[in-house]
Amino acid sequence: MSNEKIRVGVIGAGGNTTKLHIPGLLAQDGVEIMSVANRTAASGQRVADEFDIPRVAADWQEIIEDPEIDAVCIGTWPYMHAPMTIAALEHGKHVMCEARMALNADEGHDMLAASRRAPRLVAQIVPAPHTLAFDRTIIEMIGAGYIGDLITLDARIAQGDFPNPGSSITWRQDRDLSGNNIMSMGIWYEAMMRWIGPMATVFAAGQAVVPHRVDETGRRVAMAIPDHLDIMGTMEQGGQIRFNVSTVLGHAPAAVDVCLFGTEGTLRLLQSGSDPMTLYAGKRGDDGLSAVDIDAAKKGGWRVEEEFINAIRGLEPISHTDFTTAVKYMQWTDAVTESLRTGQSVSLL
């Protein structure tokens, strides 16, 4: 399809899809979005009107079964990712699916198996974007021995404020819709895997600081997904990890504070207040940490839709994120959930 028009159908047109995926796809030469299916016909029509999409599908199956569509962009919540992805691949369509991959690792394995049965089709999970500008620099510094051997990765991700029991219930707090995914832990683990590989063992402790909320019907609903979570364990490459994710910490000193401590040096990725995210580094014998000047040639960025279309045309492989990598973070997600339920350490080896 190197010179042919690529015709795309969009299933689920929420925030990320309308902000990033649809504009990103339309920016690629020779790409046409043919149809959109959303939760309601009215919301689908609003998206179609905004982006001049010619058709609004009655349901997602209509897009999957449309012989004129070559590829689908799936922007729904995780509970529909597996059935839609598998159906699309079985109908000969390339797939770009929103993160997180699925409800759990079993569904992720089913998606991976479907992609392997259709090796000529491109299958991509939308990647964790937060660290793209820094990933290559961090990987190269670690690979060149800057930190020596990893002692520990110490990370705190604080996205929120003091607990607010009156806040609305979102899909992220509904296990039926989000599965074993908890807050933003998956996207950060995906980024960490790029730098230092996967964990070998997982121990997790968490709590729902806000134990219940009232839904739109006035019904009181118990919160089964933690809003404060601590994860500890060991890394396959050696070293340990301590990883905290929370949406209920008031006056947290930083939204992002990730330190990689090694035998010879330290790296720190920090974002405080309205300051941009910055990478700091220091070696043994230095006075302290200094900001790292990221080489423009090594500074990554958002090019998900471009990579997807290029992969369909055979111009480059999927690097962010292929299904094999996505299954690894889903296995880890399941391990976190199992540890929360059992109170025991879980091995990933």
Protein backbone atom coordinates (compact mmCIF):
# COMPACT_ATOMS: atom_id res chain seq x y z
CA MET A 1 0.00 0.00 0.00
CA SER A 2 3.01 2.27 -0.41
CA ASN A 3 1.25 4.58 -2.89
CA GLU A 4 -2.39 3.73 -2.31
CA LYS A 5 -4.91 5.72 -0.32
CA ILE A 6 -5.42 4.35 3.19
CA ARG A 7 -9.02 4.49 4.35
CA VAL A 8 -9.57 4.58 8.10
CA GLY A 9 -12.56 4.00 10.35
CA VAL A 10 -12.68 5.49 13.85
CA ILE A 11 -14.35 3.61 16.72
CA GLY A 12 -14.72 5.70 19.87
CA ALA A 13 -14.09 9.41 19.45
CA GLY A 14 -13.30 10.72 22.91
CA GLY A 15 -10.69 13.20 24.08
CA ASN A 16 -7.47 11.60 22.82
CA THR A 17 -9.05 10.53 19.56
CA THR A 18 -10.35 13.98 18.65
CA LYS A 19 -7.34 15.83 20.03
CA LEU A 20 -4.58 13.61 18.63
CA HIS A 21 -5.53 10.61 16.53
CA ILE A 22 -8.00 12.06 14.04
CA PRO A 23 -5.92 15.22 13.35
CA GLY A 24 -2.75 13.10 13.27
CA LEU A 25 -4.19 10.67 10.75
CA LEU A 26 -5.62 13.42 8.55
CA ALA A 27 -2.18 15.09 8.51
CA GLN A 28 -0.71 12.07 6.70
CA ASP A 29 -0.64 12.15 2.92
CA GLY A 30 -3.06 9.78 1.26
CA VAL A 31 -5.13 9.05 4.37
CA GLU A 32 -8.90 9.44 4.45
CA ILE A 33 -11.15 8.86 7.45
CA MET A 34 -14.25 7.24 6.00
CA SER A 35 -16.48 6.61 8.99
CA VAL A 36 -16.83 7.16 12.73
CA ALA A 37 -18.76 5.22 15.38
CA ASN A 38 -19.26 6.70 18.82
CA ARG A 39 -21.37 5.85 21.87
CA THR A 40 -24.35 7.70 20.40
CA ALA A 41 -25.28 8.68 16.86
CA ALA A 42 -25.48 12.32 17.97
CA SER A 43 -21.95 12.38 19.39
CA GLY A 44 -20.67 10.57 16.32
CA GLN A 45 -22.31 13.16 14.10
CA ARG A 46 -20.68 16.01 16.03
CA VAL A 47 -17.26 14.46 15.40
CA ALA A 48 -18.09 13.82 11.75
CA ASP A 49 -19.15 17.44 11.31
CA GLU A 50 -16.02 18.76 13.02
CA PHE A 51 -13.61 16.74 10.87
CA ASP A 52 -15.62 16.38 7.64
CA ILE A 53 -15.94 12.62 8.03
CA PRO A 54 -18.47 11.45 5.42
CA ARG A 55 -20.24 8.67 7.35
CA VAL A 56 -21.47 7.99 10.89
CA ALA A 57 -21.72 4.26 11.53
CA ALA A 58 -24.62 2.79 13.47
CA ASP A 59 -22.22 0.66 15.55
CA TRP A 60 -18.63 -0.49 15.66
CA GLN A 61 -19.38 -3.73 13.79
CA GLU A 62 -20.42 -1.69 10.77
CA ILE A 63 -16.92 -0.23 10.58
CA ILE A 64 -15.22 -3.58 11.14
CA GLU A 65 -17.30 -5.21 8.37
CA ASP A 66 -16.95 -2.35 5.86
CA PRO A 67 -14.88 -3.71 2.93
CA GLU A 68 -13.86 -0.19 1.92
CA ILE A 69 -12.01 0.43 5.21
CA ASP A 70 -8.35 -0.59 5.44
CA ALA A 71 -7.52 0.34 9.04
CA VAL A 72 -9.27 1.18 12.29
CA CYS A 73 -8.43 3.53 15.12
CA ILE A 74 -9.94 2.21 18.36
CA GLY A 75 -10.41 4.94 20.97
CA THR A 76 -12.79 3.25 23.40
CA TRP A 77 -12.24 2.37 27.04
CA PRO A 78 -10.19 -0.80 27.72
CA TYR A 79 -13.18 -3.14 28.14
CA MET A 80 -13.80 -3.14 24.37
CA HIS A 81 -10.22 -3.18 23.12
CA ALA A 82 -9.87 -6.95 22.82
CA PRO A 83 -13.15 -7.76 21.02
CA MET A 84 -12.78 -4.84 18.62
CA THR A 85 -9.10 -5.46 17.87
CA ILE A 86 -9.53 -9.18 17.31
CA ALA A 87 -12.57 -8.62 15.07
CA ALA A 88 -10.75 -5.96 13.04
CA LEU A 89 -7.72 -8.19 12.46
CA GLU A 90 -9.97 -11.10 11.48
CA HIS A 91 -11.62 -8.82 8.93
CA GLY A 92 -8.24 -7.90 7.43
CA LYS A 93 -7.87 -4.43 8.94
CA HIS A 94 -4.80 -2.78 10.44
CA VAL A 95 -5.33 -1.67 14.04
CA MET A 96 -4.22 1.28 16.13
CA CYS A 97 -5.70 0.78 19.61
CA GLU A 98 -5.75 3.27 22.46
CA ALA A 99 -3.86 2.41 25.65
CA ARG A 100 -4.17 0.55 27.96
CA MET A 101 -4.10 -2.61 25.86
CA ALA A 102 -6.96 -4.53 27.50
CA LEU A 103 -8.72 -5.40 30.75
CA ASN A 104 -6.07 -7.97 31.68
CA ALA A 105 -3.21 -10.07 30.34
CA ASP A 106 -5.47 -12.89 29.13
CA GLU A 107 -7.19 -10.47 26.77
CA GLY A 108 -3.80 -9.05 25.80
CA HIS A 109 -2.56 -12.52 24.88
CA ASP A 110 -5.68 -13.07 22.77
CA MET A 111 -4.99 -9.80 20.93
CA LEU A 112 -1.35 -10.76 20.38
CA ALA A 113 -2.37 -14.19 19.07
CA ALA A 114 -4.81 -12.56 16.64
CA SER A 115 -2.08 -10.25 15.37
CA ARG A 116 0.26 -13.20 14.82
CA ARG A 117 -2.42 -14.96 12.78
CA ALA A 118 -2.42 -11.88 10.53
CA PRO A 119 1.29 -11.03 10.16
CA ARG A 120 0.74 -8.75 7.16
CA LEU A 121 -1.45 -6.45 9.24
CA VAL A 122 -0.08 -3.67 11.45
CA ALA A 123 -1.11 -3.84 15.12
CA GLN A 124 -0.19 -0.93 17.38
CA ILE A 125 -1.08 0.18 20.91
CA VAL A 126 -0.94 3.93 21.50
CA PRO A 127 2.20 4.43 23.62
CA ALA A 128 2.87 6.18 26.89
CA PRO A 129 3.81 9.70 25.72
CA HIS A 130 5.13 11.39 28.87
CA THR A 131 8.82 10.57 28.49
CA LEU A 132 9.24 10.40 24.71
CA ALA A 133 11.45 13.49 24.68
CA PHE A 134 13.88 11.88 27.14
CA ASP A 135 13.77 8.15 26.40
CA ARG A 136 16.63 7.89 23.92
CA THR A 137 18.93 10.02 26.08
CA ILE A 138 18.15 8.00 29.22
CA ILE A 139 18.58 4.69 27.39
CA GLU A 140 21.91 5.74 25.88
CA MET A 141 23.25 7.12 29.17
CA ILE A 142 22.39 3.91 31.02
CA GLY A 143 23.73 1.76 28.17
CA ALA A 144 27.01 3.68 28.16
CA GLY A 145 27.46 3.00 31.88
CA TYR A 146 26.65 6.47 33.19
CA ILE A 147 24.91 5.20 36.32
CA GLY A 148 26.89 1.95 36.56
CA ASP A 149 24.75 -0.89 37.89
CA LEU A 150 21.22 -0.03 38.91
CA ILE A 151 20.68 0.04 42.68
CA THR A 152 17.09 1.25 42.67
CA LEU A 153 14.50 3.17 40.72
CA ASP A 154 12.54 5.42 43.07
CA ALA A 155 9.46 7.02 41.51
CA ARG A 156 6.55 9.13 42.77
CA ILE A 157 3.74 10.11 40.42
CA ALA A 158 1.24 12.47 42.09
CA GLN A 159 -1.64 13.44 39.83
CA GLY A 160 -4.33 15.10 41.88
CA ASP A 161 -4.84 16.88 45.19
CA PHE A 162 -6.40 16.21 48.58
CA PRO A 163 -9.13 13.52 48.49
CA ASN A 164 -12.43 14.72 47.02
CA PRO A 165 -15.34 12.37 47.82
CA GLY A 166 -17.66 14.58 45.80
CA SER A 167 -15.81 14.10 42.53
CA SER A 168 -17.53 12.31 39.66
CA ILE A 169 -16.98 8.63 38.99
CA THR A 170 -14.97 8.08 35.81
CA TRP A 171 -14.31 4.95 33.77
CA ARG A 172 -10.89 4.71 35.42
CA GLN A 173 -12.64 3.97 38.74
CA ASP A 174 -14.89 1.29 37.26
CA ARG A 175 -13.26 -2.14 37.11
CA ASP A 176 -15.80 -3.34 34.55
CA LEU A 177 -14.53 -0.68 32.15
CA SER A 178 -10.84 -0.46 33.09
CA GLY A 179 -10.07 -3.98 34.31
CA ASN A 180 -6.82 -4.36 36.23
CA ASN A 181 -5.50 -0.98 35.08
CA ILE A 182 -5.01 1.44 37.99
CA MET A 183 -4.61 5.19 37.57
CA SER A 184 -1.56 6.01 35.42
CA MET A 185 0.66 3.19 36.67
CA GLY A 186 0.63 1.36 33.32
CA ILE A 187 1.88 4.21 31.19
CA TRP A 188 4.70 4.93 33.61
CA TYR A 189 5.73 1.30 33.83
CA GLU A 190 5.79 1.16 30.03
CA ALA A 191 8.19 4.13 30.02
CA MET A 192 10.37 2.60 32.73
CA MET A 193 10.59 -0.66 30.75
CA ARG A 194 12.09 1.29 27.87
CA TRP A 195 14.95 2.37 30.14
CA ILE A 196 15.67 -0.64 32.36
CA GLY A 197 13.51 -3.53 31.21
CA PRO A 198 10.77 -5.37 33.12
CA MET A 199 10.36 -6.22 36.77
CA ALA A 200 11.08 -9.73 38.07
CA THR A 201 8.97 -9.60 41.25
CA VAL A 202 6.10 -7.38 42.36
CA PHE A 203 4.70 -6.52 45.78
CA ALA A 204 1.90 -3.97 46.00
CA ALA A 205 -0.09 -2.22 48.72
CA GLY A 206 -2.90 0.19 47.98
CA GLN A 207 -6.02 1.81 49.29
CA ALA A 208 -9.11 3.64 48.13
CA VAL A 209 -8.70 6.76 50.25
CA VAL A 210 -12.08 7.84 48.88
CA PRO A 211 -13.95 4.59 49.67
CA HIS A 212 -17.15 5.41 47.81
CA ARG A 213 -18.69 7.97 45.50
CA VAL A 214 -22.21 8.74 44.34
CA ASP A 215 -22.91 8.05 40.66
CA GLU A 216 -25.13 10.04 38.28
CA THR A 217 -28.24 8.15 39.43
CA GLY A 218 -27.59 9.01 43.10
CA ARG A 219 -26.43 5.50 43.95
CA ARG A 220 -23.53 5.10 46.38
CA VAL A 221 -20.80 3.05 44.72
CA ALA A 222 -17.83 1.39 46.45
CA MET A 223 -14.46 2.20 44.91
CA ALA A 224 -12.74 -1.09 44.05
CA ILE A 225 -9.71 0.52 42.39
CA PRO A 226 -7.05 2.18 44.61
CA ASP A 227 -6.42 5.89 44.39
CA HIS A 228 -3.12 5.51 46.30
CA LEU A 229 -0.72 2.71 45.41
CA ASP A 230 2.81 1.61 46.37
CA ILE A 231 4.68 -0.98 44.32
CA MET A 232 8.00 -2.54 45.25
CA GLY A 233 10.04 -5.31 43.71
CA THR A 234 13.15 -6.38 41.86
CA MET A 235 14.23 -5.82 38.27
CA GLU A 236 15.22 -8.54 35.79
CA GLN A 237 18.50 -6.73 35.10
CA GLY A 238 19.23 -6.39 38.83
CA GLY A 239 18.38 -3.70 41.29
CA GLN A 240 15.11 -2.78 42.93
CA ILE A 241 12.16 -0.45 42.40
CA ARG A 242 9.89 1.61 44.64
CA PHE A 243 7.01 3.15 42.72
CA ASN A 244 4.20 5.27 44.15
CA VAL A 245 1.16 6.45 42.16
CA SER A 246 -1.50 8.60 43.80
CA THR A 247 -4.35 10.97 42.97
CA VAL A 248 -5.04 11.99 46.58
CA LEU A 249 -1.86 13.71 47.81
CA GLY A 250 -2.30 17.36 48.75
CA HIS A 251 0.68 19.69 48.32
CA ALA A 252 2.82 16.96 46.76
CA PRO A 253 6.27 18.46 46.07
CA ALA A 254 6.26 17.27 42.46
CA ALA A 255 3.87 15.72 39.97
CA VAL A 256 6.68 13.55 38.61
CA ASP A 257 9.84 12.60 40.46
CA VAL A 258 11.67 9.56 39.08
CA CYS A 259 15.20 8.79 40.25
CA LEU A 260 17.49 6.07 38.93
CA PHE A 261 20.25 5.47 41.46
CA GLY A 262 23.28 3.50 40.30
CA THR A 263 26.66 2.50 41.59
CA GLU A 264 28.35 5.30 39.60
CA GLY A 265 25.72 7.93 38.91
CA THR A 266 22.14 9.15 39.29
CA LEU A 267 19.46 10.28 36.84
CA ARG A 268 16.39 12.24 37.90
CA LEU A 269 13.32 13.09 35.81
CA LEU A 270 11.43 15.88 37.55
CA GLN A 271 8.33 17.96 36.95
CA SER A 272 7.24 20.41 39.65
CA GLY A 273 4.37 22.84 39.47
CA SER A 274 4.13 24.48 36.06
CA ASP A 275 7.77 23.80 35.23
CA PRO A 276 8.50 21.61 32.21
CA MET A 277 9.71 18.08 32.79
CA THR A 278 13.51 18.12 33.07
CA LEU A 279 16.20 15.44 33.17
CA TYR A 280 19.03 15.85 35.69
CA ALA A 281 22.19 13.79 36.03
CA GLY A 282 25.23 13.50 38.27
CA LYS A 283 28.22 11.16 38.47
CA ARG A 284 30.26 10.00 41.42
CA GLY A 285 32.45 12.94 42.48
CA ASP A 286 30.16 15.66 41.05
CA ASP A 287 28.88 18.41 43.32
CA GLY A 288 25.29 17.36 42.60
CA LEU A 289 22.80 16.92 39.80
CA SER A 290 22.83 19.18 36.74
CA ALA A 291 20.21 19.60 34.01
CA VAL A 292 20.90 17.52 30.91
CA ASP A 293 20.80 19.35 27.60
CA ILE A 294 18.83 16.99 25.37
CA ASP A 295 20.31 16.74 21.87
CA ALA A 296 17.60 17.85 19.43
CA ALA A 297 18.46 14.91 17.18
CA LYS A 298 17.71 12.51 20.04
CA LYS A 299 14.60 14.24 21.34
CA GLY A 300 11.59 12.07 20.61
CA GLY A 301 8.04 13.25 20.31
CA TRP A 302 4.51 12.30 19.38
CA ARG A 303 4.37 10.64 15.98
CA VAL A 304 2.00 7.75 16.68
CA GLU A 305 -0.28 8.26 13.69
CA GLU A 306 2.66 8.86 11.35
CA GLU A 307 4.34 5.65 12.53
CA PHE A 308 1.09 3.68 12.10
CA ILE A 309 0.60 4.86 8.50
CA ASN A 310 4.30 4.39 7.66
CA ALA A 311 4.14 0.84 9.02
CA ILE A 312 1.13 0.06 6.84
CA ARG A 313 3.10 1.36 3.86
CA GLY A 314 6.14 -0.72 4.81
CA LEU A 315 8.33 2.30 5.54
CA GLU A 316 9.12 1.53 9.20
CA PRO A 317 8.19 -0.99 11.90
CA ILE A 318 6.06 -0.20 14.94
CA SER A 319 8.29 0.84 17.82
CA HIS A 320 5.73 2.57 20.07
CA THR A 321 4.06 0.26 21.06
CA ASP A 322 3.94 -3.23 19.54
CA PHE A 323 1.62 -5.90 20.95
CA THR A 324 4.46 -7.97 22.46
CA THR A 325 5.57 -5.03 24.61
CA ALA A 326 1.99 -4.22 25.53
CA VAL A 327 1.38 -7.78 26.76
CA LYS A 328 4.37 -7.42 29.07
CA TYR A 329 2.88 -4.40 30.79
CA MET A 330 -0.47 -6.17 31.01
CA GLN A 331 1.21 -9.16 32.72
CA TRP A 332 2.75 -6.72 35.18
CA THR A 333 -0.62 -5.03 35.70
CA ASP A 334 -2.14 -8.40 36.55
CA ALA A 335 0.72 -9.10 38.95
CA VAL A 336 0.07 -5.81 40.77
CA THR A 337 -3.61 -6.71 41.11
CA GLU A 338 -2.81 -10.23 42.34
CA SER A 339 -0.41 -8.85 44.95
CA LEU A 340 -3.04 -6.36 46.13
CA ARG A 341 -5.55 -9.17 46.55
CA THR A 342 -3.27 -11.70 48.23
CA GLY A 343 -0.83 -9.51 50.13
CA GLN A 344 2.01 -11.55 48.67
CA SER A 345 4.91 -10.94 46.30
CA VAL A 346 4.28 -12.15 42.74
CA SER A 347 6.96 -13.46 40.40
CA LEU A 348 6.92 -12.42 36.73
CA LEU A 349 9.65 -14.83 35.66
